[in-house]
Amino acid sequence: MDEFEKRLKDDAGNIDVGPSQELRQRIDATLRSTKRIEPVPESRSAGVRLWWASSLTGLAAAVLLVVLINWSIPEQDASRVEPVTARTVPPLMHELQGMSPPRLIRTAEFTTPLEEELARLQADIEKARAMVRKDVEFTF
């Protein structure tokens, strides 16, 4: 094993793993053409101005919306307004006690088809169980 390891190390030492001359020239040219990134000084006053501008814009939009909504509503004359009264009166509780509640749920009348479906389902389960038993017996 030592001889094999020695040959592998010698082969690895003979491999030239450096970049080609052409690639090295391209990398150097790219590095020379770039500039250093310098941080841009932040202006504190721009943020404050933006905050004021957005606040004033929002306030102006809200005022405009209120004015438009109030302007489009017609004024009503108080003497012409008619009182709103109910047209029907709900029945009192003692009037409802003699009545039976409405029937909201019908009894299911499909018992025979459901029993047939249950029988088919049980037959399918038994077939599947038999196939699994057969597969298990085959593997052992």
C-alpha atoms as a PDB file:
ATOM      1  CA  MET A   1       0.000   0.000   0.000  1.00  0.00           C
ATOM      2  CA  ASP A   2       2.891   2.361   0.656  1.00  0.00           C
ATOM      3  CA  GLU A   3       4.138   2.036  -2.902  1.00  0.00           C
ATOM      4  CA  PHE A   4       0.666   2.820  -4.308  1.00  0.00           C
ATOM      5  CA  GLU A   5       0.313   5.826  -1.991  1.00  0.00           C
ATOM      6  CA  LYS A   6       3.732   7.092  -3.057  1.00  0.00           C
ATOM      7  CA  ARG A   7       2.833   6.850  -6.755  1.00  0.00           C
ATOM      8  CA  LEU A   8      -0.452   8.732  -6.145  1.00  0.00           C
ATOM      9  CA  LYS A   9       1.384  11.531  -4.344  1.00  0.00           C
ATOM     10  CA  ASP A  10       3.973  11.757  -7.130  1.00  0.00           C
ATOM     11  CA  ASP A  11       1.222  11.923  -9.764  1.00  0.00           C
ATOM     12  CA  ALA A  12      -0.603  14.603  -7.777  1.00  0.00           C
ATOM     13  CA  GLY A  13       2.611  16.627  -7.499  1.00  0.00           C
ATOM     14  CA  ASN A  14       3.054  16.540 -11.275  1.00  0.00           C
ATOM     15  CA  ILE A  15      -0.394  18.020 -11.970  1.00  0.00           C
ATOM     16  CA  ASP A  16      -0.286  21.716 -12.873  1.00  0.00           C
ATOM     17  CA  VAL A  17      -3.344  23.271 -11.192  1.00  0.00           C
ATOM     18  CA  GLY A  18      -2.654  26.972 -11.806  1.00  0.00           C
ATOM     19  CA  PRO A  19      -4.754  29.113 -14.138  1.00  0.00           C
ATOM     20  CA  SER A  20      -3.636  29.490 -17.700  1.00  0.00           C
ATOM     21  CA  GLN A  21      -1.777  32.636 -18.766  1.00  0.00           C
ATOM     22  CA  GLU A  22      -4.770  33.788 -20.824  1.00  0.00           C
ATOM     23  CA  LEU A  23      -7.174  33.450 -17.872  1.00  0.00           C
ATOM     24  CA  ARG A  24      -4.750  35.267 -15.568  1.00  0.00           C
ATOM     25  CA  GLN A  25      -4.575  38.218 -18.011  1.00  0.00           C
ATOM     26  CA  ARG A  26      -8.375  38.430 -18.207  1.00  0.00           C
ATOM     27  CA  ILE A  27      -8.692  38.402 -14.400  1.00  0.00           C
ATOM     28  CA  ASP A  28      -6.067  41.139 -14.043  1.00  0.00           C
ATOM     29  CA  ALA A  29      -7.759  43.295 -16.706  1.00  0.00           C
ATOM     30  CA  THR A  30     -11.109  42.939 -14.931  1.00  0.00           C
ATOM     31  CA  LEU A  31      -9.601  43.874 -11.585  1.00  0.00           C
ATOM     32  CA  ARG A  32      -7.912  46.956 -13.049  1.00  0.00           C
ATOM     33  CA  SER A  33     -11.118  48.179 -14.665  1.00  0.00           C
ATOM     34  CA  THR A  34     -13.112  48.174 -11.437  1.00  0.00           C
ATOM     35  CA  LYS A  35     -13.340  51.038  -8.957  1.00  0.00           C
ATOM     36  CA  ARG A  36     -13.623  50.874  -5.232  1.00  0.00           C
ATOM     37  CA  ILE A  37     -17.107  51.249  -3.840  1.00  0.00           C
ATOM     38  CA  GLU A  38     -17.336  54.305  -1.670  1.00  0.00           C
ATOM     39  CA  PRO A  39     -20.233  54.801   0.711  1.00  0.00           C
ATOM     40  CA  VAL A  40     -22.607  57.612  -0.143  1.00  0.00           C
ATOM     41  CA  PRO A  41     -23.100  60.026   2.728  1.00  0.00           C
ATOM     42  CA  GLU A  42     -26.663  59.926   3.977  1.00  0.00           C
ATOM     43  CA  SER A  43     -28.620  63.116   4.031  1.00  0.00           C
ATOM     44  CA  ARG A  44     -30.750  63.417   7.155  1.00  0.00           C
ATOM     45  CA  SER A  45     -32.808  66.286   5.797  1.00  0.00           C
ATOM     46  CA  ALA A  46     -34.051  64.271   2.790  1.00  0.00           C
ATOM     47  CA  GLY A  47     -35.757  61.756   5.089  1.00  0.00           C
ATOM     48  CA  VAL A  48     -37.457  64.482   7.087  1.00  0.00           C
ATOM     49  CA  ARG A  49     -38.613  66.234   3.921  1.00  0.00           C
ATOM     50  CA  LEU A  50     -40.009  62.988   2.549  1.00  0.00           C
ATOM     51  CA  TRP A  51     -41.845  62.355   5.820  1.00  0.00           C
ATOM     52  CA  TRP A  52     -43.411  65.833   5.755  1.00  0.00           C
ATOM     53  CA  ALA A  53     -44.354  65.518   2.095  1.00  0.00           C
ATOM     54  CA  SER A  54     -46.052  62.148   2.592  1.00  0.00           C
ATOM     55  CA  SER A  55     -47.883  63.374   5.696  1.00  0.00           C
ATOM     56  CA  LEU A  56     -49.176  66.471   3.942  1.00  0.00           C
ATOM     57  CA  THR A  57     -50.210  64.463   0.890  1.00  0.00           C
ATOM     58  CA  GLY A  58     -52.170  62.037   3.050  1.00  0.00           C
ATOM     59  CA  LEU A  59     -53.841  64.876   4.929  1.00  0.00           C
ATOM     60  CA  ALA A  60     -54.797  66.627   1.685  1.00  0.00           C
ATOM     61  CA  ALA A  61     -56.251  63.395   0.271  1.00  0.00           C
ATOM     62  CA  ALA A  62     -58.318  62.831   3.425  1.00  0.00           C
ATOM     63  CA  VAL A  63     -59.683  66.404   3.379  1.00  0.00           C
ATOM     64  CA  LEU A  64     -60.519  66.129  -0.325  1.00  0.00           C
ATOM     65  CA  LEU A  65     -62.345  62.841   0.254  1.00  0.00           C
ATOM     66  CA  VAL A  66     -64.416  64.298   3.108  1.00  0.00           C
ATOM     67  CA  VAL A  67     -65.309  67.350   1.019  1.00  0.00           C
ATOM     68  CA  LEU A  68     -66.328  65.247  -1.997  1.00  0.00           C
ATOM     69  CA  ILE A  69     -68.480  62.911   0.091  1.00  0.00           C
ATOM     70  CA  ASN A  70     -70.247  65.776   1.866  1.00  0.00           C
ATOM     71  CA  TRP A  71     -70.696  67.763  -1.349  1.00  0.00           C
ATOM     72  CA  SER A  72     -72.414  64.873  -3.169  1.00  0.00           C
ATOM     73  CA  ILE A  73     -75.070  64.313  -0.444  1.00  0.00           C
ATOM     74  CA  PRO A  74     -78.194  66.375  -1.149  1.00  0.00           C
ATOM     75  CA  GLU A  75     -79.554  68.435   1.721  1.00  0.00           C
ATOM     76  CA  GLN A  76     -82.901  67.265   3.101  1.00  0.00           C
ATOM     77  CA  ASP A  77     -85.603  69.570   4.287  1.00  0.00           C
ATOM     78  CA  ALA A  78     -86.528  68.635   7.875  1.00  0.00           C
ATOM     79  CA  SER A  79     -90.213  69.430   7.266  1.00  0.00           C
ATOM     80  CA  ARG A  80     -90.432  66.965   4.357  1.00  0.00           C
ATOM     81  CA  VAL A  81     -88.784  64.007   6.144  1.00  0.00           C
ATOM     82  CA  GLU A  82     -91.319  61.257   6.862  1.00  0.00           C
ATOM     83  CA  PRO A  83     -90.853  59.066   9.924  1.00  0.00           C
ATOM     84  CA  VAL A  84     -90.009  55.439   9.194  1.00  0.00           C
ATOM     85  CA  THR A  85     -92.481  52.989  10.705  1.00  0.00           C
ATOM     86  CA  ALA A  86     -92.593  49.207  10.668  1.00  0.00           C
ATOM     87  CA  ARG A  87     -95.075  47.663   8.250  1.00  0.00           C
ATOM     88  CA  THR A  88     -95.442  44.372  10.128  1.00  0.00           C
ATOM     89  CA  VAL A  89     -95.403  43.564  13.806  1.00  0.00           C
ATOM     90  CA  PRO A  90     -93.632  40.398  14.960  1.00  0.00           C
ATOM     91  CA  PRO A  91     -95.849  37.923  16.870  1.00  0.00           C
ATOM     92  CA  LEU A  92     -95.614  37.913  20.627  1.00  0.00           C
ATOM     93  CA  MET A  93     -94.100  34.956  22.473  1.00  0.00           C
ATOM     94  CA  HIS A  94     -97.408  33.696  23.936  1.00  0.00           C
ATOM     95  CA  GLU A  95     -98.869  33.587  20.414  1.00  0.00           C
ATOM     96  CA  LEU A  96     -96.061  31.261  19.257  1.00  0.00           C
ATOM     97  CA  GLN A  97     -96.446  28.707  22.063  1.00  0.00           C
ATOM     98  CA  GLY A  98     -99.358  26.865  20.465  1.00  0.00           C
ATOM     99  CA  MET A  99     -97.582  26.504  17.101  1.00  0.00           C
ATOM    100  CA  SER A 100     -95.207  23.679  16.236  1.00  0.00           C
ATOM    101  CA  PRO A 101     -91.804  24.639  14.836  1.00  0.00           C
ATOM    102  CA  PRO A 102     -91.329  24.206  11.082  1.00  0.00           C
ATOM    103  CA  ARG A 103     -89.803  20.935   9.973  1.00  0.00           C
ATOM    104  CA  LEU A 104     -86.348  21.765   8.634  1.00  0.00           C
ATOM    105  CA  ILE A 105     -84.776  18.306   8.306  1.00  0.00           C
ATOM    106  CA  ARG A 106     -86.168  15.375   6.298  1.00  0.00           C
ATOM    107  CA  THR A 107     -85.486  11.833   7.388  1.00  0.00           C
ATOM    108  CA  ALA A 108     -83.148   9.947   5.085  1.00  0.00           C
ATOM    109  CA  GLU A 109     -85.054   7.478   2.928  1.00  0.00           C
ATOM    110  CA  PHE A 110     -82.040   5.892   1.268  1.00  0.00           C
ATOM    111  CA  THR A 111     -81.301   3.035   3.676  1.00  0.00           C
ATOM    112  CA  THR A 112     -81.410   0.235   1.089  1.00  0.00           C
ATOM    113  CA  PRO A 113     -78.794   1.741  -1.285  1.00  0.00           C
ATOM    114  CA  LEU A 114     -76.551   2.515   1.683  1.00  0.00           C
ATOM    115  CA  GLU A 115     -76.740  -1.078   2.928  1.00  0.00           C
ATOM    116  CA  GLU A 116     -75.849  -2.346  -0.553  1.00  0.00           C
ATOM    117  CA  GLU A 117     -72.892   0.036  -0.724  1.00  0.00           C
ATOM    118  CA  LEU A 118     -71.699  -1.147   2.702  1.00  0.00           C
ATOM    119  CA  ALA A 119     -71.869  -4.778   1.548  1.00  0.00           C
ATOM    120  CA  ARG A 120     -69.852  -3.933  -1.601  1.00  0.00           C
ATOM    121  CA  LEU A 121     -67.283  -2.066   0.471  1.00  0.00           C
ATOM    122  CA  GLN A 122     -66.880  -5.007   2.866  1.00  0.00           C
ATOM    123  CA  ALA A 123     -66.440  -7.368  -0.100  1.00  0.00           C
ATOM    124  CA  ASP A 124     -63.714  -5.107  -1.538  1.00  0.00           C
ATOM    125  CA  ILE A 125     -61.939  -5.021   1.820  1.00  0.00           C
ATOM    126  CA  GLU A 126     -62.023  -8.833   2.040  1.00  0.00           C
ATOM    127  CA  LYS A 127     -60.568  -9.122  -1.499  1.00  0.00           C
ATOM    128  CA  ALA A 128     -57.772  -6.712  -0.611  1.00  0.00           C
ATOM    129  CA  ARG A 129     -57.056  -8.604   2.621  1.00  0.00           C
ATOM    130  CA  ALA A 130     -56.852 -11.903   0.698  1.00  0.00           C
ATOM    131  CA  MET A 131     -54.453 -10.393  -1.852  1.00  0.00           C
ATOM    132  CA  VAL A 132     -52.209  -9.074   0.936  1.00  0.00           C
ATOM    133  CA  ARG A 133     -52.179 -12.494   2.623  1.00  0.00           C
ATOM    134  CA  LYS A 134     -51.260 -14.113  -0.683  1.00  0.00           C
ATOM    135  CA  ASP A 135     -48.410 -11.617  -1.225  1.00  0.00           C
ATOM    136  CA  VAL A 136     -47.077 -12.100   2.314  1.00  0.00           C
ATOM    137  CA  GLU A 137     -47.158 -15.901   1.984  1.00  0.00           C
ATOM    138  CA  PHE A 138     -45.341 -15.645  -1.357  1.00  0.00           C
ATOM    139  CA  THR A 139     -42.475 -13.628   0.091  1.00  0.00           C
ATOM    140  CA  PHE A 140     -41.816 -16.106   2.922  1.00  0.00           C
END
